[in-house]
PDB file of N, CA and C in Angstrom:
ATOM      1  N   UNK A   1       7.698  17.382  13.383  1.00  0.00           N
ATOM      2  CA  UNK A   1       8.705  18.375  13.723  1.00  0.00           C
ATOM      3  C   UNK A   1       8.855  18.508  15.240  1.00  0.00           C
ATOM      4  N   UNK A   2       7.727  18.600  15.928  1.00  0.00           N
ATOM      5  CA  UNK A   2       7.761  18.774  17.369  1.00  0.00           C
ATOM      6  C   UNK A   2       8.380  17.558  18.052  1.00  0.00           C
ATOM      7  N   UNK A   3       8.092  16.374  17.543  1.00  0.00           N
ATOM      8  CA  UNK A   3       8.609  15.155  18.153  1.00  0.00           C
ATOM      9  C   UNK A   3      10.129  15.066  18.022  1.00  0.00           C
ATOM     10  N   UNK A   4      10.671  15.448  16.871  1.00  0.00           N
ATOM     11  CA  UNK A   4      12.118  15.372  16.689  1.00  0.00           C
ATOM     12  C   UNK A   4      12.839  16.365  17.601  1.00  0.00           C
ATOM     13  N   UNK A   5      12.221  17.509  17.835  1.00  0.00           N
ATOM     14  CA  UNK A   5      12.807  18.502  18.734  1.00  0.00           C
ATOM     15  C   UNK A   5      12.843  17.963  20.162  1.00  0.00           C
ATOM     16  N   UNK A   6      11.757  17.306  20.572  1.00  0.00           N
ATOM     17  CA  UNK A   6      11.686  16.713  21.909  1.00  0.00           C
ATOM     18  C   UNK A   6      12.710  15.595  22.055  1.00  0.00           C
ATOM     19  N   UNK A   7      12.847  14.777  21.048  1.00  0.00           N
ATOM     20  CA  UNK A   7      13.801  13.677  21.143  1.00  0.00           C
ATOM     21  C   UNK A   7      15.239  14.199  21.179  1.00  0.00           C
ATOM     22  N   UNK A   8      15.493  15.288  20.488  1.00  0.00           N
ATOM     23  CA  UNK A   8      16.837  15.898  20.561  1.00  0.00           C
ATOM     24  C   UNK A   8      17.120  16.413  21.960  1.00  0.00           C
ATOM     25  N   UNK A   9      16.125  17.053  22.562  1.00  0.00           N
ATOM     26  CA  UNK A   9      16.287  17.573  23.926  1.00  0.00           C
ATOM     27  C   UNK A   9      16.536  16.423  24.902  1.00  0.00           C
ATOM     28  N   UNK A  10      15.773  15.339  24.725  1.00  0.00           N
ATOM     29  CA  UNK A  10      15.944  14.180  25.603  1.00  0.00           C
ATOM     30  C   UNK A  10      17.340  13.582  25.450  1.00  0.00           C
ATOM     31  N   UNK A  11      17.801  13.480  24.207  1.00  0.00           N
ATOM     32  CA  UNK A  11      19.151  12.950  23.982  1.00  0.00           C
ATOM     33  C   UNK A  11      20.196  13.869  24.604  1.00  0.00           C
ATOM     34  N   UNK A  12      19.995  15.172  24.471  1.00  0.00           N
ATOM     35  CA  UNK A  12      20.942  16.128  25.035  1.00  0.00           C
ATOM     36  C   UNK A  12      20.948  16.039  26.554  1.00  0.00           C
ATOM     37  N   UNK A  13      19.769  15.935  27.151  1.00  0.00           N
ATOM     38  CA  UNK A  13      19.673  15.818  28.612  1.00  0.00           C
ATOM     39  C   UNK A  13      20.312  14.521  29.081  1.00  0.00           C
ATOM     40  N   UNK A  14      20.029  13.415  28.377  1.00  0.00           N
ATOM     41  CA  UNK A  14      20.643  12.136  28.748  1.00  0.00           C
ATOM     42  C   UNK A  14      22.159  12.195  28.644  1.00  0.00           C
ATOM     43  N   UNK A  15      22.642  12.809  27.576  1.00  0.00           N
ATOM     44  CA  UNK A  15      24.087  12.918  27.384  1.00  0.00           C
ATOM     45  C   UNK A  15      24.712  13.786  28.491  1.00  0.00           C
ATOM     46  N   UNK A  16      24.047  14.899  28.819  1.00  0.00           N
ATOM     47  CA  UNK A  16      24.544  15.769  29.898  1.00  0.00           C
ATOM     48  C   UNK A  16      24.552  15.024  31.238  1.00  0.00           C
ATOM     49  N   UNK A  17      23.482  14.224  31.487  1.00  0.00           N
ATOM     50  CA  UNK A  17      23.421  13.451  32.726  1.00  0.00           C
ATOM     51  C   UNK A  17      24.556  12.432  32.791  1.00  0.00           C
ATOM     52  N   UNK A  18      24.833  11.751  31.681  1.00  0.00           N
ATOM     53  CA  UNK A  18      25.920  10.762  31.645  1.00  0.00           C
ATOM     54  C   UNK A  18      27.260  11.434  31.926  1.00  0.00           C
ATOM     55  N   UNK A  19      27.495  12.598  31.330  1.00  0.00           N
ATOM     56  CA  UNK A  19      28.761  13.312  31.560  1.00  0.00           C
ATOM     57  C   UNK A  19      28.855  13.756  33.019  1.00  0.00           C
ATOM     58  N   UNK A  20      27.740  14.273  33.556  1.00  0.00           N
ATOM     59  CA  UNK A  20      27.724  14.696  34.958  1.00  0.00           C
ATOM     60  C   UNK A  20      27.986  13.501  35.885  1.00  0.00           C
ATOM     61  N   UNK A  21      27.338  12.384  35.612  1.00  0.00           N
ATOM     62  CA  UNK A  21      27.519  11.186  36.439  1.00  0.00           C
ATOM     63  C   UNK A  21      28.968  10.702  36.383  1.00  0.00           C
ATOM     64  N   UNK A  22      29.577  10.753  35.206  1.00  0.00           N
ATOM     65  CA  UNK A  22      30.986  10.354  35.097  1.00  0.00           C
ATOM     66  C   UNK A  22      31.895  11.335  35.827  1.00  0.00           C
ATOM     67  N   UNK A  23      31.527  12.614  35.814  1.00  0.00           N
ATOM     68  CA  UNK A  23      32.332  13.615  36.524  1.00  0.00           C
ATOM     69  C   UNK A  23      32.286  13.402  38.032  1.00  0.00           C
ATOM     70  N   UNK A  24      31.178  12.836  38.514  1.00  0.00           N
ATOM     71  CA  UNK A  24      31.059  12.570  39.951  1.00  0.00           C
ATOM     72  C   UNK A  24      31.895  11.373  40.396  1.00  0.00           C
ATOM     73  N   UNK A  25      32.254  10.524  39.490  1.00  0.00           N
ATOM     74  CA  UNK A  25      33.061   9.362  39.852  1.00  0.00           C
ATOM     75  C   UNK A  25      32.766   8.197  38.936  1.00  0.00           C
ATOM     76  N   UNK A  26      33.434   7.107  39.210  1.00  0.00           N
ATOM     77  CA  UNK A  26      33.280   5.901  38.390  1.00  0.00           C
ATOM     78  C   UNK A  26      31.838   5.413  38.440  1.00  0.00           C
ATOM     79  N   UNK A  27      31.411   4.788  37.362  1.00  0.00           N
ATOM     80  CA  UNK A  27      30.048   4.261  37.308  1.00  0.00           C
ATOM     81  C   UNK A  27      29.941   3.086  38.266  1.00  0.00           C
ATOM     82  N   UNK A  28      29.100   3.269  39.276  1.00  0.00           N
ATOM     83  CA  UNK A  28      28.871   2.209  40.254  1.00  0.00           C
ATOM     84  C   UNK A  28      27.469   1.664  40.058  1.00  0.00           C
ATOM     85  N   UNK A  29      27.298   0.450  40.412  1.00  0.00           N
ATOM     86  CA  UNK A  29      25.981  -0.164  40.304  1.00  0.00           C
ATOM     87  C   UNK A  29      25.980  -1.270  39.257  1.00  0.00           C
ATOM     88  N   UNK A  30      25.081  -2.243  39.459  1.00  0.00           N
ATOM     89  CA  UNK A  30      24.998  -3.385  38.545  1.00  0.00           C
ATOM     90  C   UNK A  30      24.205  -3.056  37.291  1.00  0.00           C
ATOM     91  N   UNK A  31      23.262  -2.115  37.412  1.00  0.00           N
ATOM     92  CA  UNK A  31      22.431  -1.748  36.260  1.00  0.00           C
ATOM     93  C   UNK A  31      22.525  -0.237  36.045  1.00  0.00           C
ATOM     94  N   UNK A  32      22.031   0.206  34.882  1.00  0.00           N
ATOM     95  CA  UNK A  32      22.029   1.645  34.615  1.00  0.00           C
ATOM     96  C   UNK A  32      21.153   2.403  35.603  1.00  0.00           C
ATOM     97  N   UNK A  33      20.031   1.790  35.977  1.00  0.00           N
ATOM     98  CA  UNK A  33      19.131   2.455  36.939  1.00  0.00           C
ATOM     99  C   UNK A  33      19.815   2.632  38.296  1.00  0.00           C
ATOM    100  N   UNK A  34      20.508   1.609  38.742  1.00  0.00           N
ATOM    101  CA  UNK A  34      21.227   1.688  40.025  1.00  0.00           C
ATOM    102  C   UNK A  34      22.347   2.716  39.935  1.00  0.00           C
ATOM    103  N   UNK A  35      23.049   2.766  38.818  1.00  0.00           N
ATOM    104  CA  UNK A  35      24.118   3.755  38.627  1.00  0.00           C
ATOM    105  C   UNK A  35      23.548   5.168  38.631  1.00  0.00           C
ATOM    106  N   UNK A  36      22.374   5.351  38.035  1.00  0.00           N
ATOM    107  CA  UNK A  36      21.730   6.664  38.044  1.00  0.00           C
ATOM    108  C   UNK A  36      21.311   7.069  39.455  1.00  0.00           C
ATOM    109  N   UNK A  37      20.833   6.116  40.230  1.00  0.00           N
ATOM    110  CA  UNK A  37      20.456   6.405  41.616  1.00  0.00           C
ATOM    111  C   UNK A  37      21.671   6.830  42.425  1.00  0.00           C
ATOM    112  N   UNK A  38      22.774   6.129  42.251  1.00  0.00           N
ATOM    113  CA  UNK A  38      24.011   6.466  42.963  1.00  0.00           C
ATOM    114  C   UNK A  38      24.503   7.858  42.541  1.00  0.00           C
ATOM    115  N   UNK A  39      24.430   8.149  41.243  1.00  0.00           N
ATOM    116  CA  UNK A  39      24.836   9.470  40.755  1.00  0.00           C
ATOM    117  C   UNK A  39      23.919  10.557  41.319  1.00  0.00           C
ATOM    118  N   UNK A  40      22.640  10.248  41.474  1.00  0.00           N
ATOM    119  CA  UNK A  40      21.705  11.211  42.069  1.00  0.00           C
ATOM    120  C   UNK A  40      22.040  11.504  43.512  1.00  0.00           C
ATOM    121  N   UNK A  41      22.389  10.471  44.263  1.00  0.00           N
ATOM    122  CA  UNK A  41      22.786  10.658  45.661  1.00  0.00           C
ATOM    123  C   UNK A  41      24.066  11.480  45.743  1.00  0.00           C
ATOM    124  N   UNK A  42      25.020  11.179  44.869  1.00  0.00           N
ATOM    125  CA  UNK A  42      26.263  11.952  44.845  1.00  0.00           C
ATOM    126  C   UNK A  42      25.995  13.405  44.484  1.00  0.00           C
ATOM    127  N   UNK A  43      25.032  13.633  43.607  1.00  0.00           N
ATOM    128  CA  UNK A  43      24.673  15.012  43.236  1.00  0.00           C
ATOM    129  C   UNK A  43      24.099  15.751  44.439  1.00  0.00           C
ATOM    130  N   UNK A  44      23.226  15.086  45.204  1.00  0.00           N
ATOM    131  CA  UNK A  44      22.668  15.715  46.409  1.00  0.00           C
ATOM    132  C   UNK A  44      23.768  16.055  47.415  1.00  0.00           C
ATOM    133  N   UNK A  45      24.727  15.173  47.587  1.00  0.00           N
ATOM    134  CA  UNK A  45      25.846  15.434  48.500  1.00  0.00           C
ATOM    135  C   UNK A  45      26.656  16.631  48.003  1.00  0.00           C
ATOM    136  N   UNK A  46      26.916  16.671  46.692  1.00  0.00           N
ATOM    137  CA  UNK A  46      27.665  17.784  46.109  1.00  0.00           C
ATOM    138  C   UNK A  46      26.931  19.113  46.311  1.00  0.00           C
ATOM    139  N   UNK A  47      25.625  19.107  46.070  1.00  0.00           N
ATOM    140  CA  UNK A  47      24.839  20.339  46.236  1.00  0.00           C
ATOM    141  C   UNK A  47      24.847  20.783  47.695  1.00  0.00           C
ATOM    142  N   UNK A  48      24.748  19.834  48.632  1.00  0.00           N
ATOM    143  CA  UNK A  48      24.776  20.213  50.047  1.00  0.00           C
ATOM    144  C   UNK A  48      26.133  20.806  50.426  1.00  0.00           C
ATOM    145  N   UNK A  49      27.226  20.272  49.879  1.00  0.00           N
ATOM    146  CA  UNK A  49      28.546  20.863  50.116  1.00  0.00           C
ATOM    147  C   UNK A  49      28.604  22.292  49.599  1.00  0.00           C
ATOM    148  N   UNK A  50      28.073  22.500  48.393  1.00  0.00           N
ATOM    149  CA  UNK A  50      28.118  23.838  47.798  1.00  0.00           C
ATOM    150  C   UNK A  50      27.289  24.839  48.602  1.00  0.00           C
ATOM    151  N   UNK A  51      26.113  24.433  49.035  1.00  0.00           N
ATOM    152  CA  UNK A  51      25.258  25.318  49.836  1.00  0.00           C
ATOM    153  C   UNK A  51      25.955  25.664  51.154  1.00  0.00           C
ATOM    154  N   UNK A  52      26.563  24.665  51.784  1.00  0.00           N
ATOM    155  CA  UNK A  52      27.281  24.902  53.038  1.00  0.00           C
ATOM    156  C   UNK A  52      28.439  25.866  52.824  1.00  0.00           C
ATOM    157  N   UNK A  53      29.215  25.671  51.769  1.00  0.00           N
ATOM    158  CA  UNK A  53      30.350  26.553  51.499  1.00  0.00           C
ATOM    159  C   UNK A  53      29.898  27.974  51.203  1.00  0.00           C
ATOM    160  N   UNK A  54      28.824  28.131  50.462  1.00  0.00           N
ATOM    161  CA  UNK A  54      28.307  29.482  50.175  1.00  0.00           C
ATOM    162  C   UNK A  54      27.861  30.154  51.467  1.00  0.00           C
ATOM    163  N   UNK A  55      27.216  29.420  52.358  1.00  0.00           N
ATOM    164  CA  UNK A  55      26.781  29.990  53.635  1.00  0.00           C
ATOM    165  C   UNK A  55      27.974  30.410  54.481  1.00  0.00           C
ATOM    166  N   UNK A  56      29.021  29.603  54.520  1.00  0.00           N
ATOM    167  CA  UNK A  56      30.220  29.935  55.303  1.00  0.00           C
ATOM    168  C   UNK A  56      30.881  31.186  54.749  1.00  0.00           C
ATOM    169  N   UNK A  57      31.049  31.251  53.445  1.00  0.00           N
ATOM    170  CA  UNK A  57      31.696  32.412  52.830  1.00  0.00           C
ATOM    171  C   UNK A  57      30.838  33.664  53.016  1.00  0.00           C
ATOM    172  N   UNK A  58      29.530  33.545  52.845  1.00  0.00           N
ATOM    173  CA  UNK A  58      28.642  34.700  53.022  1.00  0.00           C
ATOM    174  C   UNK A  58      28.712  35.217  54.451  1.00  0.00           C
ATOM    175  N   UNK A  59      28.768  34.314  55.413  1.00  0.00           N
ATOM    176  CA  UNK A  59      28.884  34.718  56.809  1.00  0.00           C
ATOM    177  C   UNK A  59      30.216  35.409  57.070  1.00  0.00           C
ATOM    178  N   UNK A  60      31.283  34.885  56.506  1.00  0.00           N
ATOM    179  CA  UNK A  60      32.599  35.500  56.696  1.00  0.00           C
ATOM    180  C   UNK A  60      32.651  36.894  56.085  1.00  0.00           C
ATOM    181  N   UNK A  61      32.067  37.042  54.908  1.00  0.00           N
ATOM    182  CA  UNK A  61      32.063  38.358  54.251  1.00  0.00           C
ATOM    183  C   UNK A  61      31.167  39.323  55.015  1.00  0.00           C
ATOM    184  N   UNK A  62      30.038  38.847  55.480  1.00  0.00           N
ATOM    185  CA  UNK A  62      29.098  39.706  56.212  1.00  0.00           C
ATOM    186  C   UNK A  62      29.698  40.244  57.505  1.00  0.00           C
ATOM    187  N   UNK A  63      30.444  39.420  58.206  1.00  0.00           N
ATOM    188  CA  UNK A  63      31.019  39.831  59.485  1.00  0.00           C
ATOM    189  C   UNK A  63      32.477  40.251  59.367  1.00  0.00           C
ATOM    190  N   UNK A  64      32.924  40.485  58.158  1.00  0.00           N
ATOM    191  CA  UNK A  64      34.320  40.859  57.929  1.00  0.00           C
ATOM    192  C   UNK A  64      34.621  42.142  58.670  1.00  0.00           C
ATOM    193  N   UNK A  65      35.511  42.077  59.615  1.00  0.00           N
ATOM    194  CA  UNK A  65      36.008  43.246  60.352  1.00  0.00           C
ATOM    195  C   UNK A  65      34.913  43.988  61.119  1.00  0.00           C
ATOM    196  N   UNK A  66      33.813  43.336  61.455  1.00  0.00           N
ATOM    197  CA  UNK A  66      32.770  44.012  62.232  1.00  0.00           C
ATOM    198  C   UNK A  66      33.137  44.068  63.713  1.00  0.00           C
ATOM    199  N   UNK A  67      33.957  43.143  64.162  1.00  0.00           N
ATOM    200  CA  UNK A  67      34.420  43.126  65.543  1.00  0.00           C
ATOM    201  C   UNK A  67      35.937  43.228  65.511  1.00  0.00           C
ATOM    202  N   UNK A  68      36.424  44.438  65.560  1.00  0.00           N
ATOM    203  CA  UNK A  68      37.859  44.660  65.399  1.00  0.00           C
ATOM    204  C   UNK A  68      38.619  44.030  66.563  1.00  0.00           C
ATOM    205  N   UNK A  69      39.603  43.218  66.234  1.00  0.00           N
ATOM    206  CA  UNK A  69      40.394  42.573  67.271  1.00  0.00           C
ATOM    207  C   UNK A  69      41.541  43.473  67.716  1.00  0.00           C
ATOM    208  N   UNK A  70      41.980  44.361  66.847  1.00  0.00           N
ATOM    209  CA  UNK A  70      43.048  45.298  67.188  1.00  0.00           C
ATOM    210  C   UNK A  70      42.473  46.693  67.036  1.00  0.00           C
ATOM    211  N   UNK A  71      42.384  47.403  68.156  1.00  0.00           N
ATOM    212  CA  UNK A  71      41.816  48.740  68.125  1.00  0.00           C
ATOM    213  C   UNK A  71      42.908  49.755  67.786  1.00  0.00           C
ATOM    214  N   UNK A  72      42.580  50.716  66.956  1.00  0.00           N
ATOM    215  CA  UNK A  72      43.568  51.749  66.651  1.00  0.00           C
ATOM    216  C   UNK A  72      43.808  52.612  67.881  1.00  0.00           C
ATOM    217  N   UNK A  73      44.971  53.190  67.949  1.00  0.00           N
ATOM    218  CA  UNK A  73      45.292  54.066  69.075  1.00  0.00           C
ATOM    219  C   UNK A  73      44.430  55.315  69.010  1.00  0.00           C
ATOM    220  N   UNK A  74      43.839  55.666  70.125  1.00  0.00           N
ATOM    221  CA  UNK A  74      43.011  56.863  70.164  1.00  0.00           C
ATOM    222  C   UNK A  74      43.861  58.114  70.351  1.00  0.00           C
ATOM    223  N   UNK A  75      45.061  57.933  70.868  1.00  0.00           N
ATOM    224  CA  UNK A  75      45.922  59.066  71.170  1.00  0.00           C
ATOM    225  C   UNK A  75      47.187  59.004  70.336  1.00  0.00           C
ATOM    226  N   UNK A  76      47.747  60.177  70.086  1.00  0.00           N
ATOM    227  CA  UNK A  76      49.036  60.172  69.385  1.00  0.00           C
ATOM    228  C   UNK A  76      50.119  59.517  70.234  1.00  0.00           C
ATOM    229  N   UNK A  77      51.194  59.179  69.614  1.00  0.00           N
ATOM    230  CA  UNK A  77      52.286  58.479  70.284  1.00  0.00           C
ATOM    231  C   UNK A  77      52.881  59.288  71.437  1.00  0.00           C
ATOM    232  N   UNK A  78      52.886  60.617  71.342  1.00  0.00           N
ATOM    233  CA  UNK A  78      53.472  61.418  72.422  1.00  0.00           C
ATOM    234  C   UNK A  78      52.670  61.287  73.716  1.00  0.00           C
ATOM    235  N   UNK A  79      51.376  60.946  73.642  1.00  0.00           N
ATOM    236  CA  UNK A  79      50.606  60.705  74.858  1.00  0.00           C
ATOM    237  C   UNK A  79      51.144  59.489  75.602  1.00  0.00           C
ATOM    238  N   UNK A  80      51.603  58.503  74.860  1.00  0.00           N
ATOM    239  CA  UNK A  80      52.202  57.336  75.502  1.00  0.00           C
ATOM    240  C   UNK A  80      53.482  57.732  76.225  1.00  0.00           C
ATOM    241  N   UNK A  81      54.244  58.627  75.608  1.00  0.00           N
ATOM    242  CA  UNK A  81      55.474  59.109  76.238  1.00  0.00           C
ATOM    243  C   UNK A  81      55.147  59.874  77.512  1.00  0.00           C
ATOM    244  N   UNK A  82      54.122  60.743  77.468  1.00  0.00           N
ATOM    245  CA  UNK A  82      53.714  61.485  78.666  1.00  0.00           C
ATOM    246  C   UNK A  82      53.253  60.529  79.757  1.00  0.00           C
ATOM    247  N   UNK A  83      52.502  59.517  79.419  1.00  0.00           N
ATOM    248  CA  UNK A  83      52.038  58.533  80.397  1.00  0.00           C
ATOM    249  C   UNK A  83      53.223  57.824  81.035  1.00  0.00           C
ATOM    250  N   UNK A  84      54.188  57.463  80.216  1.00  0.00           N
ATOM    251  CA  UNK A  84      55.366  56.784  80.748  1.00  0.00           C
ATOM    252  C   UNK A  84      56.141  57.700  81.696  1.00  0.00           C
ATOM    253  N   UNK A  85      56.249  58.980  81.359  1.00  0.00           N
ATOM    254  CA  UNK A  85      56.954  59.926  82.238  1.00  0.00           C
ATOM    255  C   UNK A  85      56.184  60.130  83.530  1.00  0.00           C
ATOM    256  N   UNK A  86      54.846  60.251  83.475  1.00  0.00           N
ATOM    257  CA  UNK A  86      54.049  60.407  84.689  1.00  0.00           C
ATOM    258  C   UNK A  86      54.177  59.182  85.578  1.00  0.00           C
ATOM    259  N   UNK A  87      54.178  58.014  84.992  1.00  0.00           N
ATOM    260  CA  UNK A  87      54.325  56.783  85.765  1.00  0.00           C
ATOM    261  C   UNK A  87      55.685  56.755  86.448  1.00  0.00           C
ATOM    262  N   UNK A  88      56.712  57.180  85.726  1.00  0.00           N
ATOM    263  CA  UNK A  88      58.046  57.214  86.306  1.00  0.00           C
ATOM    264  C   UNK A  88      58.126  58.204  87.459  1.00  0.00           C
ATOM    265  N   UNK A  89      57.493  59.386  87.279  1.00  0.00           N
ATOM    266  CA  UNK A  89      57.515  60.395  88.344  1.00  0.00           C
ATOM    267  C   UNK A  89      56.783  59.876  89.583  1.00  0.00           C
ATOM    268  N   UNK A  90      55.651  59.237  89.373  1.00  0.00           N
ATOM    269  CA  UNK A  90      54.897  58.680  90.494  1.00  0.00           C
ATOM    270  C   UNK A  90      55.722  57.623  91.209  1.00  0.00           C
ATOM    271  N   UNK A  91      56.405  56.803  90.444  1.00  0.00           N
ATOM    272  CA  UNK A  91      57.239  55.765  91.022  1.00  0.00           C
ATOM    273  C   UNK A  91      58.414  56.377  91.797  1.00  0.00           C
ATOM    274  N   UNK A  92      59.016  57.421  91.235  1.00  0.00           N
ATOM    275  CA  UNK A  92      60.133  58.079  91.904  1.00  0.00           C
ATOM    276  C   UNK A  92      59.684  58.746  93.192  1.00  0.00           C
ATOM    277  N   UNK A  93      58.508  59.373  93.199  1.00  0.00           N
ATOM    278  CA  UNK A  93      58.005  60.059  94.385  1.00  0.00           C
ATOM    279  C   UNK A  93      57.670  59.058  95.490  1.00  0.00           C
ATOM    280  N   UNK A  94      57.139  57.919  95.132  1.00  0.00           N
ATOM    281  CA  UNK A  94      56.782  56.947  96.162  1.00  0.00           C
ATOM    282  C   UNK A  94      58.019  56.235  96.707  1.00  0.00           C
ATOM    283  N   UNK A  95      59.058  56.158  95.899  1.00  0.00           N
ATOM    284  CA  UNK A  95      60.281  55.478  96.343  1.00  0.00           C
ATOM    285  C   UNK A  95      61.190  56.365  97.175  1.00  0.00           C
ATOM    286  N   UNK A  96      61.016  57.672  97.136  1.00  0.00           N
ATOM    287  CA  UNK A  96      61.901  58.590  97.844  1.00  0.00           C
ATOM    288  C   UNK A  96      61.628  58.676  99.291  1.00  0.00           C
TER     289      UNK A  96
END
């Protein structure tokens, strides 16, 4: 009983590996062992891409809006109008 369960697991793992290897691309290599090695290398490359992408996204989310590029106005809009009028008065006084 135990042996048949193990052989089923092995068949399932082998079948999953074959499907994964085919998903990575065409079967390359002259022998099955060489094709498995190539699929293993492709898997490592895929995992490194995924780890890199997760790190980039995590960094972007972590620093999201922590350094505001556009600061909100500290003063109401009428303060801008007062500043503009004061600047005009100063300019008029110096020009007279």
